[in-house]
Amino acid sequence: MAKLSIQDLKKIKEDAAKDMVIRGGKGNIKIIVHMGTCGIAAGAREVMATLMEEMNEANRQDIRVVAAGCTGMCSSEPNVTVEVEGEEPIVYQQMDRNRMRQVFKRHVLKGEVQTDFALARG
């Protein structure tokens, strides 16, 4: 195993700190990826990975990402809920990498609800 340099350790520390802010920070937008067994089987891990990529590119501190359990609607998994402060939560269904990118860029960043694959409000 190769030894880590001081620069390597600093990079690891910065990445871990950024991840802690994304997952536990405070913000007026919360994105919930439902990762129960059925969600994971349907592709929720890929959806979460795509969301984290988009978060890193956007570099926004007002958005919180949370993993949660099943919503009880297994046939519509993977599901993602977007909660914007002062607005009704929107549950998106049958998410994949492309849909996650679209929801992030249009709903989360621009405020445009993506009704084509919204499952429910509230």
PDB file of N, CA and C in Angstrom:
ATOM      1  N   MET A   1       0.844  -1.172   0.000  1.00  0.00           N
ATOM      2  CA  MET A   1       0.000   0.000   0.000  1.00  0.00           C
ATOM      3  C   MET A   1       0.897   1.246   0.000  1.00  0.00           C
ATOM      4  N   ALA A   2       0.588   2.181  -0.886  1.00  0.00           N
ATOM      5  CA  ALA A   2       1.384   3.409  -0.994  1.00  0.00           C
ATOM      6  C   ALA A   2       1.118   4.314   0.203  1.00  0.00           C
ATOM      7  N   LYS A   3       2.157   5.050   0.598  1.00  0.00           N
ATOM      8  CA  LYS A   3       2.006   5.992   1.696  1.00  0.00           C
ATOM      9  C   LYS A   3       1.302   7.247   1.199  1.00  0.00           C
ATOM     10  N   LEU A   4       0.521   7.844   2.068  1.00  0.00           N
ATOM     11  CA  LEU A   4      -0.192   9.069   1.736  1.00  0.00           C
ATOM     12  C   LEU A   4       0.661  10.280   2.079  1.00  0.00           C
ATOM     13  N   SER A   5       0.620  11.254   1.188  1.00  0.00           N
ATOM     14  CA  SER A   5       1.345  12.490   1.447  1.00  0.00           C
ATOM     15  C   SER A   5       0.456  13.446   2.239  1.00  0.00           C
ATOM     16  N   ILE A   6       1.030  14.536   2.703  1.00  0.00           N
ATOM     17  CA  ILE A   6       0.257  15.571   3.400  1.00  0.00           C
ATOM     18  C   ILE A   6      -0.829  16.112   2.478  1.00  0.00           C
ATOM     19  N   GLN A   7      -0.496  16.310   1.194  1.00  0.00           N
ATOM     20  CA  GLN A   7      -1.477  16.805   0.214  1.00  0.00           C
ATOM     21  C   GLN A   7      -2.647  15.829   0.079  1.00  0.00           C
ATOM     22  N   ASP A   8      -2.332  14.518   0.050  1.00  0.00           N
ATOM     23  CA  ASP A   8      -3.385  13.500  -0.039  1.00  0.00           C
ATOM     24  C   ASP A   8      -4.316  13.591   1.168  1.00  0.00           C
ATOM     25  N   LEU A   9      -3.742  13.723   2.337  1.00  0.00           N
ATOM     26  CA  LEU A   9      -4.542  13.815   3.561  1.00  0.00           C
ATOM     27  C   LEU A   9      -5.404  15.076   3.574  1.00  0.00           C
ATOM     28  N   LYS A  10      -4.857  16.201   3.114  1.00  0.00           N
ATOM     29  CA  LYS A  10      -5.634  17.442   3.053  1.00  0.00           C
ATOM     30  C   LYS A  10      -6.812  17.295   2.100  1.00  0.00           C
ATOM     31  N   LYS A  11      -6.583  16.636   0.962  1.00  0.00           N
ATOM     32  CA  LYS A  11      -7.654  16.417  -0.020  1.00  0.00           C
ATOM     33  C   LYS A  11      -8.750  15.538   0.576  1.00  0.00           C
ATOM     34  N   ILE A  12      -8.367  14.485   1.259  1.00  0.00           N
ATOM     35  CA  ILE A  12      -9.336  13.599   1.912  1.00  0.00           C
ATOM     36  C   ILE A  12     -10.147  14.374   2.936  1.00  0.00           C
ATOM     37  N   LYS A  13      -9.490  15.214   3.719  1.00  0.00           N
ATOM     38  CA  LYS A  13     -10.169  16.024   4.733  1.00  0.00           C
ATOM     39  C   LYS A  13     -11.163  16.985   4.088  1.00  0.00           C
ATOM     40  N   GLU A  14     -10.762  17.664   3.007  1.00  0.00           N
ATOM     41  CA  GLU A  14     -11.649  18.603   2.314  1.00  0.00           C
ATOM     42  C   GLU A  14     -12.864  17.893   1.739  1.00  0.00           C
ATOM     43  N   ASP A  15     -12.653  16.733   1.110  1.00  0.00           N
ATOM     44  CA  ASP A  15     -13.758  15.976   0.532  1.00  0.00           C
ATOM     45  C   ASP A  15     -14.727  15.500   1.613  1.00  0.00           C
ATOM     46  N   ALA A  16     -14.184  15.038   2.745  1.00  0.00           N
ATOM     47  CA  ALA A  16     -15.041  14.583   3.835  1.00  0.00           C
ATOM     48  C   ALA A  16     -15.840  15.738   4.428  1.00  0.00           C
ATOM     49  N   ALA A  17     -15.218  16.885   4.572  1.00  0.00           N
ATOM     50  CA  ALA A  17     -15.927  18.057   5.106  1.00  0.00           C
ATOM     51  C   ALA A  17     -17.045  18.493   4.169  1.00  0.00           C
ATOM     52  N   LYS A  18     -16.785  18.477   2.882  1.00  0.00           N
ATOM     53  CA  LYS A  18     -17.803  18.851   1.895  1.00  0.00           C
ATOM     54  C   LYS A  18     -18.979  17.873   1.957  1.00  0.00           C
ATOM     55  N   ASP A  19     -18.665  16.575   2.067  1.00  0.00           N
ATOM     56  CA  ASP A  19     -19.716  15.554   2.143  1.00  0.00           C
ATOM     57  C   ASP A  19     -20.558  15.731   3.396  1.00  0.00           C
ATOM     58  N   MET A  20     -19.938  16.102   4.508  1.00  0.00           N
ATOM     59  CA  MET A  20     -20.690  16.319   5.752  1.00  0.00           C
ATOM     60  C   MET A  20     -21.655  17.492   5.602  1.00  0.00           C
ATOM     61  N   VAL A  21     -21.244  18.551   4.932  1.00  0.00           N
ATOM     62  CA  VAL A  21     -22.124  19.695   4.708  1.00  0.00           C
ATOM     63  C   VAL A  21     -23.295  19.287   3.837  1.00  0.00           C
ATOM     64  N   ILE A  22     -23.030  18.529   2.773  1.00  0.00           N
ATOM     65  CA  ILE A  22     -24.090  18.100   1.858  1.00  0.00           C
ATOM     66  C   ILE A  22     -25.101  17.238   2.581  1.00  0.00           C
ATOM     67  N   ARG A  23     -24.648  16.317   3.397  1.00  0.00           N
ATOM     68  CA  ARG A  23     -25.566  15.377   4.028  1.00  0.00           C
ATOM     69  C   ARG A  23     -26.172  15.892   5.333  1.00  0.00           C
ATOM     70  N   GLY A  24     -25.500  16.751   6.029  1.00  0.00           N
ATOM     71  CA  GLY A  24     -26.021  17.149   7.322  1.00  0.00           C
ATOM     72  C   GLY A  24     -26.188  18.636   7.504  1.00  0.00           C
ATOM     73  N   GLY A  25     -25.848  19.391   6.507  1.00  0.00           N
ATOM     74  CA  GLY A  25     -25.920  20.840   6.627  1.00  0.00           C
ATOM     75  C   GLY A  25     -27.342  21.360   6.660  1.00  0.00           C
ATOM     76  N   LYS A  26     -27.441  22.649   6.846  1.00  0.00           N
ATOM     77  CA  LYS A  26     -28.747  23.284   6.846  1.00  0.00           C
ATOM     78  C   LYS A  26     -28.922  23.965   5.510  1.00  0.00           C
ATOM     79  N   GLY A  27     -30.132  23.937   5.009  1.00  0.00           N
ATOM     80  CA  GLY A  27     -30.400  24.584   3.736  1.00  0.00           C
ATOM     81  C   GLY A  27     -31.885  24.706   3.525  1.00  0.00           C
ATOM     82  N   ASN A  28     -32.250  25.506   2.557  1.00  0.00           N
ATOM     83  CA  ASN A  28     -33.678  25.677   2.304  1.00  0.00           C
ATOM     84  C   ASN A  28     -34.185  24.683   1.268  1.00  0.00           C
ATOM     85  N   ILE A  29     -33.314  23.829   0.752  1.00  0.00           N
ATOM     86  CA  ILE A  29     -33.714  22.776  -0.178  1.00  0.00           C
ATOM     87  C   ILE A  29     -33.203  21.447   0.363  1.00  0.00           C
ATOM     88  N   LYS A  30     -34.100  20.453   0.388  1.00  0.00           N
ATOM     89  CA  LYS A  30     -33.705  19.112   0.810  1.00  0.00           C
ATOM     90  C   LYS A  30     -34.107  18.128  -0.275  1.00  0.00           C
ATOM     91  N   ILE A  31     -33.165  17.286  -0.682  1.00  0.00           N
ATOM     92  CA  ILE A  31     -33.429  16.252  -1.674  1.00  0.00           C
ATOM     93  C   ILE A  31     -33.299  14.907  -0.968  1.00  0.00           C
ATOM     94  N   ILE A  32     -34.377  14.131  -1.009  1.00  0.00           N
ATOM     95  CA  ILE A  32     -34.409  12.829  -0.340  1.00  0.00           C
ATOM     96  C   ILE A  32     -34.402  11.736  -1.400  1.00  0.00           C
ATOM     97  N   VAL A  33     -33.389  10.887  -1.357  1.00  0.00           N
ATOM     98  CA  VAL A  33     -33.351   9.721  -2.230  1.00  0.00           C
ATOM     99  C   VAL A  33     -33.821   8.544  -1.385  1.00  0.00           C
ATOM    100  N   HIS A  34     -34.932   7.941  -1.784  1.00  0.00           N
ATOM    101  CA  HIS A  34     -35.517   6.837  -1.019  1.00  0.00           C
ATOM    102  C   HIS A  34     -34.777   5.556  -1.369  1.00  0.00           C
ATOM    103  N   MET A  35     -34.049   5.044  -0.370  1.00  0.00           N
ATOM    104  CA  MET A  35     -33.139   3.927  -0.596  1.00  0.00           C
ATOM    105  C   MET A  35     -33.479   2.715   0.254  1.00  0.00           C
ATOM    106  N   GLY A  36     -34.773   2.367   0.262  1.00  0.00           N
ATOM    107  CA  GLY A  36     -35.161   1.104   0.863  1.00  0.00           C
ATOM    108  C   GLY A  36     -34.704  -0.018  -0.051  1.00  0.00           C
ATOM    109  N   THR A  37     -34.969  -1.245   0.336  1.00  0.00           N
ATOM    110  CA  THR A  37     -34.540  -2.396  -0.459  1.00  0.00           C
ATOM    111  C   THR A  37     -35.072  -2.326  -1.882  1.00  0.00           C
ATOM    112  N   CYS A  38     -36.345  -1.977  -2.030  1.00  0.00           N
ATOM    113  CA  CYS A  38     -36.928  -1.915  -3.372  1.00  0.00           C
ATOM    114  C   CYS A  38     -36.318  -0.782  -4.187  1.00  0.00           C
ATOM    115  N   GLY A  39     -36.017   0.339  -3.554  1.00  0.00           N
ATOM    116  CA  GLY A  39     -35.399   1.455  -4.245  1.00  0.00           C
ATOM    117  C   GLY A  39     -33.999   1.112  -4.727  1.00  0.00           C
ATOM    118  N   ILE A  40     -33.235   0.468  -3.867  1.00  0.00           N
ATOM    119  CA  ILE A  40     -31.878   0.066  -4.239  1.00  0.00           C
ATOM    120  C   ILE A  40     -31.919  -0.933  -5.389  1.00  0.00           C
ATOM    121  N   ALA A  41     -32.835  -1.895  -5.313  1.00  0.00           N
ATOM    122  CA  ALA A  41     -32.963  -2.879  -6.387  1.00  0.00           C
ATOM    123  C   ALA A  41     -33.345  -2.226  -7.710  1.00  0.00           C
ATOM    124  N   ALA A  42     -34.085  -1.128  -7.641  1.00  0.00           N
ATOM    125  CA  ALA A  42     -34.539  -0.434  -8.849  1.00  0.00           C
ATOM    126  C   ALA A  42     -33.521   0.576  -9.373  1.00  0.00           C
ATOM    127  N   GLY A  43     -32.436   0.836  -8.620  1.00  0.00           N
ATOM    128  CA  GLY A  43     -31.393   1.730  -9.115  1.00  0.00           C
ATOM    129  C   GLY A  43     -31.149   2.989  -8.304  1.00  0.00           C
ATOM    130  N   ALA A  44     -31.589   3.036  -7.054  1.00  0.00           N
ATOM    131  CA  ALA A  44     -31.436   4.234  -6.229  1.00  0.00           C
ATOM    132  C   ALA A  44     -29.966   4.597  -5.971  1.00  0.00           C
ATOM    133  N   ARG A  45     -29.092   3.616  -5.943  1.00  0.00           N
ATOM    134  CA  ARG A  45     -27.667   3.933  -5.726  1.00  0.00           C
ATOM    135  C   ARG A  45     -27.110   4.748  -6.881  1.00  0.00           C
ATOM    136  N   GLU A  46     -27.471   4.386  -8.096  1.00  0.00           N
ATOM    137  CA  GLU A  46     -27.024   5.140  -9.272  1.00  0.00           C
ATOM    138  C   GLU A  46     -27.610   6.548  -9.261  1.00  0.00           C
ATOM    139  N   VAL A  47     -28.868   6.659  -8.831  1.00  0.00           N
ATOM    140  CA  VAL A  47     -29.519   7.967  -8.732  1.00  0.00           C
ATOM    141  C   VAL A  47     -28.783   8.832  -7.705  1.00  0.00           C
ATOM    142  N   MET A  48     -28.437   8.257  -6.552  1.00  0.00           N
ATOM    143  CA  MET A  48     -27.711   8.987  -5.518  1.00  0.00           C
ATOM    144  C   MET A  48     -26.332   9.399  -6.024  1.00  0.00           C
ATOM    145  N   ALA A  49     -25.637   8.514  -6.715  1.00  0.00           N
ATOM    146  CA  ALA A  49     -24.314   8.841  -7.234  1.00  0.00           C
ATOM    147  C   ALA A  49     -24.396  10.004  -8.226  1.00  0.00           C
ATOM    148  N   THR A  50     -25.406   9.991  -9.078  1.00  0.00           N
ATOM    149  CA  THR A  50     -25.595  11.074 -10.038  1.00  0.00           C
ATOM    150  C   THR A  50     -25.904  12.380  -9.317  1.00  0.00           C
ATOM    151  N   LEU A  51     -26.746  12.316  -8.306  1.00  0.00           N
ATOM    152  CA  LEU A  51     -27.083  13.510  -7.527  1.00  0.00           C
ATOM    153  C   LEU A  51     -25.832  14.085  -6.872  1.00  0.00           C
ATOM    154  N   MET A  52     -24.990  13.255  -6.319  1.00  0.00           N
ATOM    155  CA  MET A  52     -23.775  13.736  -5.676  1.00  0.00           C
ATOM    156  C   MET A  52     -22.829  14.373  -6.700  1.00  0.00           C
ATOM    157  N   GLU A  53     -22.783  13.823  -7.908  1.00  0.00           N
ATOM    158  CA  GLU A  53     -21.978  14.439  -8.972  1.00  0.00           C
ATOM    159  C   GLU A  53     -22.501  15.844  -9.286  1.00  0.00           C
ATOM    160  N   GLU A  54     -23.816  15.966  -9.422  1.00  0.00           N
ATOM    161  CA  GLU A  54     -24.433  17.263  -9.717  1.00  0.00           C
ATOM    162  C   GLU A  54     -24.204  18.255  -8.576  1.00  0.00           C
ATOM    163  N   MET A  55     -24.281  17.762  -7.349  1.00  0.00           N
ATOM    164  CA  MET A  55     -24.043  18.617  -6.184  1.00  0.00           C
ATOM    165  C   MET A  55     -22.614  19.149  -6.193  1.00  0.00           C
ATOM    166  N   ASN A  56     -21.664  18.290  -6.505  1.00  0.00           N
ATOM    167  CA  ASN A  56     -20.266  18.722  -6.548  1.00  0.00           C
ATOM    168  C   ASN A  56     -20.045  19.779  -7.622  1.00  0.00           C
ATOM    169  N   GLU A  57     -20.681  19.609  -8.767  1.00  0.00           N
ATOM    170  CA  GLU A  57     -20.548  20.596  -9.843  1.00  0.00           C
ATOM    171  C   GLU A  57     -21.201  21.923  -9.478  1.00  0.00           C
ATOM    172  N   ALA A  58     -22.362  21.860  -8.824  1.00  0.00           N
ATOM    173  CA  ALA A  58     -23.115  23.082  -8.498  1.00  0.00           C
ATOM    174  C   ALA A  58     -22.460  23.863  -7.369  1.00  0.00           C
ATOM    175  N   ASN A  59     -21.798  23.153  -6.448  1.00  0.00           N
ATOM    176  CA  ASN A  59     -21.120  23.789  -5.315  1.00  0.00           C
ATOM    177  C   ASN A  59     -22.051  24.730  -4.558  1.00  0.00           C
ATOM    178  N   ARG A  60     -23.234  24.231  -4.203  1.00  0.00           N
ATOM    179  CA  ARG A  60     -24.218  25.024  -3.468  1.00  0.00           C
ATOM    180  C   ARG A  60     -24.238  24.574  -2.014  1.00  0.00           C
ATOM    181  N   GLN A  61     -24.299  25.524  -1.113  1.00  0.00           N
ATOM    182  CA  GLN A  61     -24.307  25.224   0.316  1.00  0.00           C
ATOM    183  C   GLN A  61     -25.715  25.212   0.897  1.00  0.00           C
ATOM    184  N   ASP A  62     -26.729  25.587   0.115  1.00  0.00           N
ATOM    185  CA  ASP A  62     -28.098  25.670   0.619  1.00  0.00           C
ATOM    186  C   ASP A  62     -28.928  24.441   0.275  1.00  0.00           C
ATOM    187  N   ILE A  63     -28.290  23.381  -0.194  1.00  0.00           N
ATOM    188  CA  ILE A  63     -28.988  22.155  -0.574  1.00  0.00           C
ATOM    189  C   ILE A  63     -28.483  21.016   0.296  1.00  0.00           C
ATOM    190  N   ARG A  64     -29.425  20.277   0.865  1.00  0.00           N
ATOM    191  CA  ARG A  64     -29.100  19.132   1.720  1.00  0.00           C
ATOM    192  C   ARG A  64     -29.556  17.851   1.043  1.00  0.00           C
ATOM    193  N   VAL A  65     -28.738  16.833   1.050  1.00  0.00           N
ATOM    194  CA  VAL A  65     -29.068  15.534   0.463  1.00  0.00           C
ATOM    195  C   VAL A  65     -29.209  14.519   1.587  1.00  0.00           C
ATOM    196  N   VAL A  66     -30.304  13.748   1.534  1.00  0.00           N
ATOM    197  CA  VAL A  66     -30.592  12.780   2.587  1.00  0.00           C
ATOM    198  C   VAL A  66     -30.990  11.450   1.947  1.00  0.00           C
ATOM    199  N   ALA A  67     -30.524  10.355   2.517  1.00  0.00           N
ATOM    200  CA  ALA A  67     -30.989   9.025   2.124  1.00  0.00           C
ATOM    201  C   ALA A  67     -32.063   8.616   3.125  1.00  0.00           C
ATOM    202  N   ALA A  68     -33.158   8.070   2.627  1.00  0.00           N
ATOM    203  CA  ALA A  68     -34.257   7.643   3.500  1.00  0.00           C
ATOM    204  C   ALA A  68     -34.758   6.285   3.037  1.00  0.00           C
ATOM    205  N   GLY A  69     -35.676   5.743   3.786  1.00  0.00           N
ATOM    206  CA  GLY A  69     -36.237   4.442   3.468  1.00  0.00           C
ATOM    207  C   GLY A  69     -37.307   4.510   2.391  1.00  0.00           C
ATOM    208  N   CYS A  70     -37.978   3.417   2.233  1.00  0.00           N
ATOM    209  CA  CYS A  70     -39.012   3.235   1.217  1.00  0.00           C
ATOM    210  C   CYS A  70     -40.213   4.145   1.473  1.00  0.00           C
ATOM    211  N   THR A  71     -40.843   4.601   0.402  1.00  0.00           N
ATOM    212  CA  THR A  71     -42.060   5.409   0.526  1.00  0.00           C
ATOM    213  C   THR A  71     -43.302   4.541   0.548  1.00  0.00           C
ATOM    214  N   GLY A  72     -43.145   3.230   0.311  1.00  0.00           N
ATOM    215  CA  GLY A  72     -44.284   2.324   0.280  1.00  0.00           C
ATOM    216  C   GLY A  72     -44.907   2.206  -1.098  1.00  0.00           C
ATOM    217  N   MET A  73     -44.255   2.789  -2.091  1.00  0.00           N
ATOM    218  CA  MET A  73     -44.763   2.722  -3.465  1.00  0.00           C
ATOM    219  C   MET A  73     -43.720   2.012  -4.328  1.00  0.00           C
ATOM    220  N   CYS A  74     -43.549   0.734  -4.080  1.00  0.00           N
ATOM    221  CA  CYS A  74     -42.462  -0.035  -4.690  1.00  0.00           C
ATOM    222  C   CYS A  74     -42.501  -0.030  -6.214  1.00  0.00           C
ATOM    223  N   SER A  75     -43.673  -0.011  -6.800  1.00  0.00           N
ATOM    224  CA  SER A  75     -43.770  -0.067  -8.259  1.00  0.00           C
ATOM    225  C   SER A  75     -43.280   1.207  -8.935  1.00  0.00           C
ATOM    226  N   SER A  76     -43.103   2.281  -8.167  1.00  0.00           N
ATOM    227  CA  SER A  76     -42.659   3.546  -8.754  1.00  0.00           C
ATOM    228  C   SER A  76     -41.202   3.876  -8.425  1.00  0.00           C
ATOM    229  N   GLU A  77     -40.500   2.970  -7.763  1.00  0.00           N
ATOM    230  CA  GLU A  77     -39.108   3.201  -7.374  1.00  0.00           C
ATOM    231  C   GLU A  77     -38.183   3.237  -8.582  1.00  0.00           C
ATOM    232  N   PRO A  78     -37.044   3.882  -8.463  1.00  0.00           N
ATOM    233  CA  PRO A  78     -36.567   4.690  -7.367  1.00  0.00           C
ATOM    234  C   PRO A  78     -37.317   6.028  -7.290  1.00  0.00           C
ATOM    235  N   ASN A  79     -37.622   6.439  -6.070  1.00  0.00           N
ATOM    236  CA  ASN A  79     -38.310   7.706  -5.827  1.00  0.00           C
ATOM    237  C   ASN A  79     -37.356   8.717  -5.206  1.00  0.00           C
ATOM    238  N   VAL A  80     -37.562   9.977  -5.564  1.00  0.00           N
ATOM    239  CA  VAL A  80     -36.792  11.083  -5.014  1.00  0.00           C
ATOM    240  C   VAL A  80     -37.782  12.174  -4.642  1.00  0.00           C
ATOM    241  N   THR A  81     -37.666  12.708  -3.435  1.00  0.00           N
ATOM    242  CA  THR A  81     -38.513  13.806  -2.990  1.00  0.00           C
ATOM    243  C   THR A  81     -37.680  15.081  -2.934  1.00  0.00           C
ATOM    244  N   VAL A  82     -38.228  16.155  -3.505  1.00  0.00           N
ATOM    245  CA  VAL A  82     -37.579  17.460  -3.454  1.00  0.00           C
ATOM    246  C   VAL A  82     -38.431  18.355  -2.570  1.00  0.00           C
ATOM    247  N   GLU A  83     -37.839  18.851  -1.491  1.00  0.00           N
ATOM    248  CA  GLU A  83     -38.523  19.750  -0.567  1.00  0.00           C
ATOM    249  C   GLU A  83     -37.841  21.114  -0.615  1.00  0.00           C
ATOM    250  N   VAL A  84     -38.582  22.105  -1.082  1.00  0.00           N
ATOM    251  CA  VAL A  84     -38.092  23.477  -1.119  1.00  0.00           C
ATOM    252  C   VAL A  84     -38.857  24.238  -0.049  1.00  0.00           C
ATOM    253  N   GLU A  85     -38.141  24.949   0.797  1.00  0.00           N
ATOM    254  CA  GLU A  85     -38.763  25.684   1.900  1.00  0.00           C
ATOM    255  C   GLU A  85     -39.888  26.586   1.381  1.00  0.00           C
ATOM    256  N   GLY A  86     -41.069  26.479   2.011  1.00  0.00           N
ATOM    257  CA  GLY A  86     -42.211  27.302   1.644  1.00  0.00           C
ATOM    258  C   GLY A  86     -43.048  26.744   0.507  1.00  0.00           C
ATOM    259  N   GLU A  87     -42.678  25.575  -0.020  1.00  0.00           N
ATOM    260  CA  GLU A  87     -43.420  24.952  -1.115  1.00  0.00           C
ATOM    261  C   GLU A  87     -43.784  23.525  -0.755  1.00  0.00           C
ATOM    262  N   GLU A  88     -44.759  22.966  -1.480  1.00  0.00           N
ATOM    263  CA  GLU A  88     -45.131  21.577  -1.279  1.00  0.00           C
ATOM    264  C   GLU A  88     -44.008  20.665  -1.756  1.00  0.00           C
ATOM    265  N   PRO A  89     -43.724  19.583  -1.025  1.00  0.00           N
ATOM    266  CA  PRO A  89     -42.738  18.610  -1.507  1.00  0.00           C
ATOM    267  C   PRO A  89     -43.245  17.933  -2.784  1.00  0.00           C
ATOM    268  N   ILE A  90     -42.339  17.580  -3.659  1.00  0.00           N
ATOM    269  CA  ILE A  90     -42.672  16.865  -4.892  1.00  0.00           C
ATOM    270  C   ILE A  90     -41.956  15.526  -4.863  1.00  0.00           C
ATOM    271  N   VAL A  91     -42.714  14.438  -5.084  1.00  0.00           N
ATOM    272  CA  VAL A  91     -42.139  13.096  -5.157  1.00  0.00           C
ATOM    273  C   VAL A  91     -42.028  12.727  -6.634  1.00  0.00           C
ATOM    274  N   TYR A  92     -40.811  12.424  -7.048  1.00  0.00           N
ATOM    275  CA  TYR A  92     -40.572  11.990  -8.425  1.00  0.00           C
ATOM    276  C   TYR A  92     -40.422  10.482  -8.457  1.00  0.00           C
ATOM    277  N   GLN A  93     -40.944   9.878  -9.528  1.00  0.00           N
ATOM    278  CA  GLN A  93     -40.950   8.422  -9.625  1.00  0.00           C
ATOM    279  C   GLN A  93     -40.076   7.911 -10.760  1.00  0.00           C
ATOM    280  N   GLN A  94     -39.724   6.633 -10.666  1.00  0.00           N
ATOM    281  CA  GLN A  94     -38.959   5.919 -11.680  1.00  0.00           C
ATOM    282  C   GLN A  94     -37.748   6.734 -12.149  1.00  0.00           C
ATOM    283  N   MET A  95     -37.003   7.182 -11.165  1.00  0.00           N
ATOM    284  CA  MET A  95     -35.838   8.012 -11.444  1.00  0.00           C
ATOM    285  C   MET A  95     -34.691   7.173 -12.001  1.00  0.00           C
ATOM    286  N   ASP A  96     -33.922   7.805 -12.867  1.00  0.00           N
ATOM    287  CA  ASP A  96     -32.681   7.230 -13.365  1.00  0.00           C
ATOM    288  C   ASP A  96     -31.671   8.373 -13.427  1.00  0.00           C
ATOM    289  N   ARG A  97     -30.500   8.112 -13.964  1.00  0.00           N
ATOM    290  CA  ARG A  97     -29.453   9.139 -13.994  1.00  0.00           C
ATOM    291  C   ARG A  97     -29.905  10.392 -14.743  1.00  0.00           C
ATOM    292  N   ASN A  98     -30.507  10.212 -15.912  1.00  0.00           N
ATOM    293  CA  ASN A  98     -30.922  11.362 -16.715  1.00  0.00           C
ATOM    294  C   ASN A  98     -32.034  12.152 -16.049  1.00  0.00           C
ATOM    295  N   ARG A  99     -33.008  11.459 -15.490  1.00  0.00           N
ATOM    296  CA  ARG A  99     -34.094  12.157 -14.795  1.00  0.00           C
ATOM    297  C   ARG A  99     -33.578  12.913 -13.577  1.00  0.00           C
ATOM    298  N   MET A 100     -32.610  12.305 -12.866  1.00  0.00           N
ATOM    299  CA  MET A 100     -32.052  12.979 -11.688  1.00  0.00           C
ATOM    300  C   MET A 100     -31.349  14.258 -12.097  1.00  0.00           C
ATOM    301  N   ARG A 101     -30.586  14.196 -13.176  1.00  0.00           N
ATOM    302  CA  ARG A 101     -29.917  15.407 -13.670  1.00  0.00           C
ATOM    303  C   ARG A 101     -30.936  16.486 -14.040  1.00  0.00           C
ATOM    304  N   GLN A 102     -32.007  16.073 -14.725  1.00  0.00           N
ATOM    305  CA  GLN A 102     -33.043  17.020 -15.138  1.00  0.00           C
ATOM    306  C   GLN A 102     -33.731  17.640 -13.928  1.00  0.00           C
ATOM    307  N   VAL A 103     -34.115  16.831 -12.948  1.00  0.00           N
ATOM    308  CA  VAL A 103     -34.769  17.344 -11.743  1.00  0.00           C
ATOM    309  C   VAL A 103     -33.836  18.299 -11.015  1.00  0.00           C
ATOM    310  N   PHE A 104     -32.564  17.935 -10.896  1.00  0.00           N
ATOM    311  CA  PHE A 104     -31.628  18.795 -10.190  1.00  0.00           C
ATOM    312  C   PHE A 104     -31.465  20.135 -10.908  1.00  0.00           C
ATOM    313  N   LYS A 105     -31.209  20.078 -12.192  1.00  0.00           N
ATOM    314  CA  LYS A 105     -30.928  21.310 -12.936  1.00  0.00           C
ATOM    315  C   LYS A 105     -32.159  22.191 -13.110  1.00  0.00           C
ATOM    316  N   ARG A 106     -33.324  21.564 -13.289  1.00  0.00           N
ATOM    317  CA  ARG A 106     -34.512  22.374 -13.554  1.00  0.00           C
ATOM    318  C   ARG A 106     -35.328  22.679 -12.306  1.00  0.00           C
ATOM    319  N   HIS A 107     -35.604  21.664 -11.483  1.00  0.00           N
ATOM    320  CA  HIS A 107     -36.423  21.917 -10.296  1.00  0.00           C
ATOM    321  C   HIS A 107     -35.591  22.528  -9.175  1.00  0.00           C
ATOM    322  N   VAL A 108     -34.521  21.864  -8.809  1.00  0.00           N
ATOM    323  CA  VAL A 108     -33.742  22.314  -7.662  1.00  0.00           C
ATOM    324  C   VAL A 108     -33.073  23.662  -7.930  1.00  0.00           C
ATOM    325  N   LEU A 109     -32.433  23.797  -9.072  1.00  0.00           N
ATOM    326  CA  LEU A 109     -31.689  25.023  -9.350  1.00  0.00           C
ATOM    327  C   LEU A 109     -32.548  26.151  -9.925  1.00  0.00           C
ATOM    328  N   LYS A 110     -33.586  25.816 -10.691  1.00  0.00           N
ATOM    329  CA  LYS A 110     -34.376  26.851 -11.365  1.00  0.00           C
ATOM    330  C   LYS A 110     -35.817  26.972 -10.867  1.00  0.00           C
ATOM    331  N   GLY A 111     -36.275  26.017 -10.035  1.00  0.00           N
ATOM    332  CA  GLY A 111     -37.626  26.088  -9.491  1.00  0.00           C
ATOM    333  C   GLY A 111     -38.720  25.585 -10.417  1.00  0.00           C
ATOM    334  N   GLU A 112     -38.364  24.872 -11.484  1.00  0.00           N
ATOM    335  CA  GLU A 112     -39.336  24.364 -12.451  1.00  0.00           C
ATOM    336  C   GLU A 112     -39.672  22.910 -12.138  1.00  0.00           C
ATOM    337  N   VAL A 113     -40.861  22.663 -11.563  1.00  0.00           N
ATOM    338  CA  VAL A 113     -41.280  21.302 -11.245  1.00  0.00           C
ATOM    339  C   VAL A 113     -41.386  20.506 -12.541  1.00  0.00           C
ATOM    340  N   GLN A 114     -40.848  19.307 -12.519  1.00  0.00           N
ATOM    341  CA  GLN A 114     -40.856  18.427 -13.702  1.00  0.00           C
ATOM    342  C   GLN A 114     -42.079  17.507 -13.641  1.00  0.00           C
ATOM    343  N   THR A 115     -43.209  17.986 -14.131  1.00  0.00           N
ATOM    344  CA  THR A 115     -44.485  17.290 -13.989  1.00  0.00           C
ATOM    345  C   THR A 115     -44.546  15.977 -14.767  1.00  0.00           C
ATOM    346  N   ASP A 116     -43.697  15.801 -15.770  1.00  0.00           N
ATOM    347  CA  ASP A 116     -43.748  14.590 -16.575  1.00  0.00           C
ATOM    348  C   ASP A 116     -43.520  13.326 -15.754  1.00  0.00           C
ATOM    349  N   PHE A 117     -42.716  13.405 -14.713  1.00  0.00           N
ATOM    350  CA  PHE A 117     -42.501  12.224 -13.885  1.00  0.00           C
ATOM    351  C   PHE A 117     -42.671  12.511 -12.389  1.00  0.00           C
ATOM    352  N   ALA A 118     -43.461  13.518 -12.083  1.00  0.00           N
ATOM    353  CA  ALA A 118     -43.825  13.758 -10.690  1.00  0.00           C
ATOM    354  C   ALA A 118     -44.916  12.785 -10.303  1.00  0.00           C
ATOM    355  N   LEU A 119     -44.756  12.122  -9.204  1.00  0.00           N
ATOM    356  CA  LEU A 119     -45.729  11.143  -8.720  1.00  0.00           C
ATOM    357  C   LEU A 119     -46.776  11.814  -7.851  1.00  0.00           C
ATOM    358  N   ALA A 120     -46.334  12.708  -6.971  1.00  0.00           N
ATOM    359  CA  ALA A 120     -47.268  13.319  -6.024  1.00  0.00           C
ATOM    360  C   ALA A 120     -46.725  14.627  -5.494  1.00  0.00           C
ATOM    361  N   ARG A 121     -47.651  15.447  -5.006  1.00  0.00           N
ATOM    362  CA  ARG A 121     -47.308  16.660  -4.276  1.00  0.00           C
ATOM    363  C   ARG A 121     -47.669  16.424  -2.823  1.00  0.00           C
ATOM    364  N   GLY A 122     -46.893  17.017  -1.945  1.00  0.00           N
ATOM    365  CA  GLY A 122     -47.221  16.935  -0.522  1.00  0.00           C
ATOM    366  C   GLY A 122     -46.736  15.688   0.135  1.00  0.00           C
TER     367      GLY A 122
END
